[in-house]
PDB file of N, CA and C in Angstrom:
ATOM      1  N   MET A   1     108.982  83.280 113.559  1.00  0.00           N
ATOM      2  CA  MET A   1     107.733  83.228 112.845  1.00  0.00           C
ATOM      3  C   MET A   1     107.774  82.147 111.841  1.00  0.00           C
ATOM      4  N   ASN A   2     106.662  81.326 111.744  1.00  0.00           N
ATOM      5  CA  ASN A   2     106.616  80.298 110.772  1.00  0.00           C
ATOM      6  C   ASN A   2     105.668  80.769 109.697  1.00  0.00           C
ATOM      7  N   VAL A   3     105.977  80.364 108.383  1.00  0.00           N
ATOM      8  CA  VAL A   3     105.291  80.754 107.249  1.00  0.00           C
ATOM      9  C   VAL A   3     104.976  79.490 106.443  1.00  0.00           C
ATOM     10  N   PHE A   4     103.736  79.339 105.927  1.00  0.00           N
ATOM     11  CA  PHE A   4     103.388  78.156 105.262  1.00  0.00           C
ATOM     12  C   PHE A   4     102.826  78.637 103.863  1.00  0.00           C
ATOM     13  N   TYR A   5     103.332  78.227 102.732  1.00  0.00           N
ATOM     14  CA  TYR A   5     102.651  78.582 101.446  1.00  0.00           C
ATOM     15  C   TYR A   5     101.990  77.406 100.958  1.00  0.00           C
ATOM     16  N   ASP A   6     100.748  77.577 100.614  1.00  0.00           N
ATOM     17  CA  ASP A   6      99.821  76.555 100.069  1.00  0.00           C
ATOM     18  C   ASP A   6      99.103  76.977  98.799  1.00  0.00           C
ATOM     19  N   ASP A   7      99.293  76.217  97.864  1.00  0.00           N
ATOM     20  CA  ASP A   7      98.495  76.530  96.549  1.00  0.00           C
ATOM     21  C   ASP A   7      97.751  75.411  95.964  1.00  0.00           C
ATOM     22  N   ALA A   8      97.517  74.391  96.881  1.00  0.00           N
ATOM     23  CA  ALA A   8      96.818  73.181  96.447  1.00  0.00           C
ATOM     24  C   ALA A   8      95.501  73.230  96.797  1.00  0.00           C
ATOM     25  N   GLY A   9      94.489  72.980  95.794  1.00  0.00           N
ATOM     26  CA  GLY A   9      93.050  72.846  96.043  1.00  0.00           C
ATOM     27  C   GLY A   9      92.481  74.250  96.225  1.00  0.00           C
ATOM     28  N   ALA A  10      91.136  74.152  96.473  1.00  0.00           N
ATOM     29  CA  ALA A  10      90.320  75.375  96.659  1.00  0.00           C
ATOM     30  C   ALA A  10      90.672  76.099  97.846  1.00  0.00           C
ATOM     31  N   ILE A  11      90.404  77.473  97.872  1.00  0.00           N
ATOM     32  CA  ILE A  11      90.760  78.382  99.020  1.00  0.00           C
ATOM     33  C   ILE A  11      90.111  77.825 100.317  1.00  0.00           C
ATOM     34  N   GLY A  12      88.900  77.365 100.215  1.00  0.00           N
ATOM     35  CA  GLY A  12      88.167  76.847 101.392  1.00  0.00           C
ATOM     36  C   GLY A  12      88.832  75.747 102.045  1.00  0.00           C
ATOM     37  N   ARG A  13      89.400  74.778 101.141  1.00  0.00           N
ATOM     38  CA  ARG A  13      90.138  73.630 101.775  1.00  0.00           C
ATOM     39  C   ARG A  13      91.425  74.119 102.369  1.00  0.00           C
ATOM     40  N   ARG A  14      92.109  75.056 101.706  1.00  0.00           N
ATOM     41  CA  ARG A  14      93.367  75.605 102.348  1.00  0.00           C
ATOM     42  C   ARG A  14      93.107  76.216 103.637  1.00  0.00           C
ATOM     43  N   TYR A  15      92.031  77.007 103.725  1.00  0.00           N
ATOM     44  CA  TYR A  15      91.708  77.564 105.024  1.00  0.00           C
ATOM     45  C   TYR A  15      91.473  76.580 106.029  1.00  0.00           C
ATOM     46  N   ARG A  16      90.766  75.498 105.748  1.00  0.00           N
ATOM     47  CA  ARG A  16      90.460  74.403 106.696  1.00  0.00           C
ATOM     48  C   ARG A  16      91.707  73.634 107.197  1.00  0.00           C
ATOM     49  N   ARG A  17      92.621  73.440 106.251  1.00  0.00           N
ATOM     50  CA  ARG A  17      93.961  72.806 106.673  1.00  0.00           C
ATOM     51  C   ARG A  17      94.700  73.703 107.684  1.00  0.00           C
ATOM     52  N   GLN A  18      94.675  74.959 107.419  1.00  0.00           N
ATOM     53  CA  GLN A  18      95.345  75.833 108.374  1.00  0.00           C
ATOM     54  C   GLN A  18      94.643  75.950 109.672  1.00  0.00           C
ATOM     55  N   ASP A  19      93.242  75.959 109.540  1.00  0.00           N
ATOM     56  CA  ASP A  19      92.513  75.999 110.874  1.00  0.00           C
ATOM     57  C   ASP A  19      92.937  74.684 111.682  1.00  0.00           C
ATOM     58  N   GLU A  20      93.008  73.618 111.055  1.00  0.00           N
ATOM     59  CA  GLU A  20      93.244  72.333 111.743  1.00  0.00           C
ATOM     60  C   GLU A  20      94.752  72.338 112.351  1.00  0.00           C
ATOM     61  N   ALA A  21      95.565  73.094 111.635  1.00  0.00           N
ATOM     62  CA  ALA A  21      96.984  73.206 112.095  1.00  0.00           C
ATOM     63  C   ALA A  21      97.097  74.260 113.196  1.00  0.00           C
ATOM     64  N   GLY A  22      96.083  74.958 113.468  1.00  0.00           N
ATOM     65  CA  GLY A  22      96.068  76.049 114.553  1.00  0.00           C
ATOM     66  C   GLY A  22      96.648  77.360 114.141  1.00  0.00           C
ATOM     67  N   THR A  23      96.785  77.609 112.903  1.00  0.00           N
ATOM     68  CA  THR A  23      97.161  78.845 112.289  1.00  0.00           C
ATOM     69  C   THR A  23      96.242  79.984 112.693  1.00  0.00           C
ATOM     70  N   PRO A  24      96.664  81.030 113.479  1.00  0.00           N
ATOM     71  CA  PRO A  24      95.751  82.024 113.875  1.00  0.00           C
ATOM     72  C   PRO A  24      95.124  82.905 112.784  1.00  0.00           C
ATOM     73  N   PHE A  25      95.775  83.171 111.691  1.00  0.00           N
ATOM     74  CA  PHE A  25      95.230  83.867 110.544  1.00  0.00           C
ATOM     75  C   PHE A  25      95.950  83.469 109.340  1.00  0.00           C
ATOM     76  N   CYS A  26      95.395  83.699 108.217  1.00  0.00           N
ATOM     77  CA  CYS A  26      95.916  83.435 106.844  1.00  0.00           C
ATOM     78  C   CYS A  26      95.944  84.821 106.099  1.00  0.00           C
ATOM     79  N   LEU A  27      96.934  84.896 105.279  1.00  0.00           N
ATOM     80  CA  LEU A  27      97.044  86.033 104.415  1.00  0.00           C
ATOM     81  C   LEU A  27      96.857  85.419 102.931  1.00  0.00           C
ATOM     82  N   THR A  28      96.012  86.022 102.270  1.00  0.00           N
ATOM     83  CA  THR A  28      95.784  85.509 100.878  1.00  0.00           C
ATOM     84  C   THR A  28      95.942  86.549  99.801  1.00  0.00           C
ATOM     85  N   VAL A  29      96.783  86.206  98.844  1.00  0.00           N
ATOM     86  CA  VAL A  29      96.966  87.014  97.675  1.00  0.00           C
ATOM     87  C   VAL A  29      95.978  86.354  96.658  1.00  0.00           C
ATOM     88  N   ASP A  30      95.063  87.298  96.072  1.00  0.00           N
ATOM     89  CA  ASP A  30      94.015  86.839  95.173  1.00  0.00           C
ATOM     90  C   ASP A  30      93.825  87.691  94.007  1.00  0.00           C
ATOM     91  N   PHE A  31      92.905  87.506  93.254  1.00  0.00           N
ATOM     92  CA  PHE A  31      92.604  88.420  92.023  1.00  0.00           C
ATOM     93  C   PHE A  31      92.591  89.811  92.373  1.00  0.00           C
ATOM     94  N   GLU A  32      91.843  90.128  93.444  1.00  0.00           N
ATOM     95  CA  GLU A  32      91.734  91.509  93.879  1.00  0.00           C
ATOM     96  C   GLU A  32      93.094  92.186  94.261  1.00  0.00           C
ATOM     97  N   THR A  33      94.029  91.409  94.694  1.00  0.00           N
ATOM     98  CA  THR A  33      95.301  91.888  95.007  1.00  0.00           C
ATOM     99  C   THR A  33      96.017  92.376  93.659  1.00  0.00           C
ATOM    100  N   LEU A  34      95.828  91.639  92.613  1.00  0.00           N
ATOM    101  CA  LEU A  34      96.434  91.909  91.277  1.00  0.00           C
ATOM    102  C   LEU A  34      95.663  92.883  90.512  1.00  0.00           C
ATOM    103  N   GLU A  35      94.314  92.743  90.525  1.00  0.00           N
ATOM    104  CA  GLU A  35      93.508  93.459  89.631  1.00  0.00           C
ATOM    105  C   GLU A  35      92.865  94.663  90.172  1.00  0.00           C
ATOM    106  N   GLY A  36      92.753  94.746  91.542  1.00  0.00           N
ATOM    107  CA  GLY A  36      92.148  95.907  92.286  1.00  0.00           C
ATOM    108  C   GLY A  36      90.766  95.479  92.850  1.00  0.00           C
ATOM    109  N   VAL A  37      90.490  96.152  94.018  1.00  0.00           N
ATOM    110  CA  VAL A  37      89.326  95.743  94.774  1.00  0.00           C
ATOM    111  C   VAL A  37      88.126  96.329  94.100  1.00  0.00           C
ATOM    112  N   LYS A  38      87.026  95.632  94.008  1.00  0.00           N
ATOM    113  CA  LYS A  38      85.845  95.916  93.179  1.00  0.00           C
ATOM    114  C   LYS A  38      84.869  96.832  93.995  1.00  0.00           C
ATOM    115  N   GLU A  39      84.872  96.681  95.357  1.00  0.00           N
ATOM    116  CA  GLU A  39      83.828  97.433  96.112  1.00  0.00           C
ATOM    117  C   GLU A  39      84.417  97.633  97.574  1.00  0.00           C
ATOM    118  N   GLY A  40      83.708  98.461  98.274  1.00  0.00           N
ATOM    119  CA  GLY A  40      84.047  98.726  99.684  1.00  0.00           C
ATOM    120  C   GLY A  40      85.010  99.917  99.853  1.00  0.00           C
ATOM    121  N   PRO A  41      85.551 100.149 100.975  1.00  0.00           N
ATOM    122  CA  PRO A  41      86.390 101.322 101.226  1.00  0.00           C
ATOM    123  C   PRO A  41      87.744 101.294 100.422  1.00  0.00           C
ATOM    124  N   LEU A  42      88.205 100.134  99.984  1.00  0.00           N
ATOM    125  CA  LEU A  42      89.409 100.060  99.260  1.00  0.00           C
ATOM    126  C   LEU A  42      89.157  99.826  97.741  1.00  0.00           C
ATOM    127  N   ALA A  43      87.932 100.113  97.287  1.00  0.00           N
ATOM    128  CA  ALA A  43      87.633 100.076  95.885  1.00  0.00           C
ATOM    129  C   ALA A  43      88.603 100.709  94.999  1.00  0.00           C
ATOM    130  N   GLY A  44      88.967 100.104  93.910  1.00  0.00           N
ATOM    131  CA  GLY A  44      89.925 100.551  92.974  1.00  0.00           C
ATOM    132  C   GLY A  44      91.420 100.398  93.320  1.00  0.00           C
ATOM    133  N   ARG A  45      91.677  99.981  94.575  1.00  0.00           N
ATOM    134  CA  ARG A  45      92.996  99.813  95.116  1.00  0.00           C
ATOM    135  C   ARG A  45      93.640  98.398  94.725  1.00  0.00           C
ATOM    136  N   LYS A  46      94.828  98.474  94.166  1.00  0.00           N
ATOM    137  CA  LYS A  46      95.537  97.149  94.002  1.00  0.00           C
ATOM    138  C   LYS A  46      96.482  96.944  95.146  1.00  0.00           C
ATOM    139  N   ASP A  47      97.216  95.955  95.160  1.00  0.00           N
ATOM    140  CA  ASP A  47      98.231  95.592  96.215  1.00  0.00           C
ATOM    141  C   ASP A  47      97.567  95.615  97.616  1.00  0.00           C
ATOM    142  N   THR A  48      96.572  94.820  97.696  1.00  0.00           N
ATOM    143  CA  THR A  48      95.858  94.478  99.005  1.00  0.00           C
ATOM    144  C   THR A  48      95.863  92.989  99.149  1.00  0.00           C
ATOM    145  N   VAL A  49      95.751  92.450 100.430  1.00  0.00           N
ATOM    146  CA  VAL A  49      95.686  91.091 100.849  1.00  0.00           C
ATOM    147  C   VAL A  49      94.411  90.780 101.665  1.00  0.00           C
ATOM    148  N   THR A  50      93.874  89.711 101.564  1.00  0.00           N
ATOM    149  CA  THR A  50      92.784  89.304 102.538  1.00  0.00           C
ATOM    150  C   THR A  50      93.440  88.660 103.660  1.00  0.00           C
ATOM    151  N   VAL A  51      92.994  89.010 104.866  1.00  0.00           N
ATOM    152  CA  VAL A  51      93.397  88.375 106.076  1.00  0.00           C
ATOM    153  C   VAL A  51      92.107  87.621 106.675  1.00  0.00           C
ATOM    154  N   ARG A  52      92.238  86.347 106.902  1.00  0.00           N
ATOM    155  CA  ARG A  52      91.201  85.538 107.435  1.00  0.00           C
ATOM    156  C   ARG A  52      91.654  85.070 108.759  1.00  0.00           C
ATOM    157  N   TYR A  53      90.748  85.218 109.765  1.00  0.00           N
ATOM    158  CA  TYR A  53      90.968  84.869 111.109  1.00  0.00           C
ATOM    159  C   TYR A  53      90.403  83.463 111.361  1.00  0.00           C
ATOM    160  N   ARG A  54      91.230  82.638 112.076  1.00  0.00           N
ATOM    161  CA  ARG A  54      90.785  81.260 112.324  1.00  0.00           C
ATOM    162  C   ARG A  54      89.541  81.126 113.209  1.00  0.00           C
ATOM    163  N   ASP A  55      89.568  81.891 114.290  1.00  0.00           N
ATOM    164  CA  ASP A  55      88.596  81.714 115.324  1.00  0.00           C
ATOM    165  C   ASP A  55      87.177  81.965 114.958  1.00  0.00           C
ATOM    166  N   ASP A  56      86.953  82.975 114.045  1.00  0.00           N
ATOM    167  CA  ASP A  56      85.606  83.359 113.630  1.00  0.00           C
ATOM    168  C   ASP A  56      85.396  83.383 112.189  1.00  0.00           C
ATOM    169  N   GLY A  57      86.448  83.157 111.336  1.00  0.00           N
ATOM    170  CA  GLY A  57      86.312  83.097 109.964  1.00  0.00           C
ATOM    171  C   GLY A  57      86.030  84.531 109.344  1.00  0.00           C
ATOM    172  N   LYS A  58      86.176  85.600 110.120  1.00  0.00           N
ATOM    173  CA  LYS A  58      86.036  86.893 109.530  1.00  0.00           C
ATOM    174  C   LYS A  58      87.219  87.198 108.611  1.00  0.00           C
ATOM    175  N   GLN A  59      86.897  88.005 107.672  1.00  0.00           N
ATOM    176  CA  GLN A  59      87.987  88.505 106.770  1.00  0.00           C
ATOM    177  C   GLN A  59      87.972  89.965 106.606  1.00  0.00           C
ATOM    178  N   ASP A  60      89.279  90.450 106.588  1.00  0.00           N
ATOM    179  CA  ASP A  60      89.551  91.785 106.298  1.00  0.00           C
ATOM    180  C   ASP A  60      90.535  91.984 105.165  1.00  0.00           C
ATOM    181  N   ARG A  61      90.447  93.164 104.489  1.00  0.00           N
ATOM    182  CA  ARG A  61      91.366  93.421 103.333  1.00  0.00           C
ATOM    183  C   ARG A  61      92.280  94.509 103.846  1.00  0.00           C
ATOM    184  N   LEU A  62      93.549  94.297 103.678  1.00  0.00           N
ATOM    185  CA  LEU A  62      94.558  95.310 104.104  1.00  0.00           C
ATOM    186  C   LEU A  62      95.477  95.707 102.882  1.00  0.00           C
ATOM    187  N   ALA A  63      95.830  96.896 102.920  1.00  0.00           N
ATOM    188  CA  ALA A  63      96.889  97.280 101.863  1.00  0.00           C
ATOM    189  C   ALA A  63      98.210  96.614 102.253  1.00  0.00           C
ATOM    190  N   ILE A  64      98.989  96.112 101.301  1.00  0.00           N
ATOM    191  CA  ILE A  64     100.239  95.504 101.595  1.00  0.00           C
ATOM    192  C   ILE A  64     101.162  96.435 102.304  1.00  0.00           C
ATOM    193  N   GLY A  65     101.037  97.805 101.957  1.00  0.00           N
ATOM    194  CA  GLY A  65     101.909  98.643 102.703  1.00  0.00           C
ATOM    195  C   GLY A  65     101.632  98.810 104.201  1.00  0.00           C
ATOM    196  N   GLU A  66     100.507  98.411 104.604  1.00  0.00           N
ATOM    197  CA  GLU A  66     100.082  98.527 106.046  1.00  0.00           C
ATOM    198  C   GLU A  66     100.254  97.114 106.748  1.00  0.00           C
ATOM    199  N   LEU A  67     100.620  96.128 106.051  1.00  0.00           N
ATOM    200  CA  LEU A  67     100.746  94.764 106.580  1.00  0.00           C
ATOM    201  C   LEU A  67     101.825  94.628 107.648  1.00  0.00           C
ATOM    202  N   LEU A  68     103.020  95.189 107.595  1.00  0.00           N
ATOM    203  CA  LEU A  68     103.976  95.033 108.634  1.00  0.00           C
ATOM    204  C   LEU A  68     103.432  95.614 109.935  1.00  0.00           C
ATOM    205  N   ASN A  69     102.873  96.844 109.829  1.00  0.00           N
ATOM    206  CA  ASN A  69     102.436  97.404 111.087  1.00  0.00           C
ATOM    207  C   ASN A  69     101.252  96.606 111.725  1.00  0.00           C
ATOM    208  N   TRP A  70     100.541  95.952 110.901  1.00  0.00           N
ATOM    209  CA  TRP A  70      99.394  95.129 111.368  1.00  0.00           C
ATOM    210  C   TRP A  70     100.006  93.755 112.057  1.00  0.00           C
ATOM    211  N   LEU A  71     100.976  93.207 111.304  1.00  0.00           N
ATOM    212  CA  LEU A  71     101.539  91.970 111.704  1.00  0.00           C
ATOM    213  C   LEU A  71     102.459  91.867 112.940  1.00  0.00           C
ATOM    214  N   LEU A  72     103.336  92.927 113.006  1.00  0.00           N
ATOM    215  CA  LEU A  72     104.362  93.003 114.143  1.00  0.00           C
ATOM    216  C   LEU A  72     103.720  92.742 115.539  1.00  0.00           C
ATOM    217  N   PRO A  73     102.624  93.498 115.930  1.00  0.00           N
ATOM    218  CA  PRO A  73     102.103  93.309 117.218  1.00  0.00           C
ATOM    219  C   PRO A  73     101.548  91.907 117.438  1.00  0.00           C
ATOM    220  N   LYS A  74     101.186  91.238 116.457  1.00  0.00           N
ATOM    221  CA  LYS A  74     100.588  89.943 116.639  1.00  0.00           C
ATOM    222  C   LYS A  74     101.604  88.850 116.772  1.00  0.00           C
ATOM    223  N   ILE A  75     102.795  89.149 116.386  1.00  0.00           N
ATOM    224  CA  ILE A  75     103.892  87.971 116.398  1.00  0.00           C
ATOM    225  C   ILE A  75     104.974  88.378 117.493  1.00  0.00           C
ATOM    226  N   CYS A  76     104.926  89.634 118.127  1.00  0.00           N
ATOM    227  CA  CYS A  76     105.897  89.862 119.081  1.00  0.00           C
ATOM    228  C   CYS A  76     105.270  89.719 120.489  1.00  0.00           C
TER     229      CYS A  76
END
């Protein structure tokens, strides 16, 4: 598995760079990860990440504790 850390520029530009590189999805640690989710089914929860899919730009928020179970089938 290859991992790429990018903190240069705006998040949209980071996503576009990864799209061009062919990265199937990106995991983003953002303010909601640290401060807590403001709305939706995970409202009030900290320790979540945003998953953005390259092909359709859809985004989901996952608890960090669920990340390994989500990730393993995608890389094996």
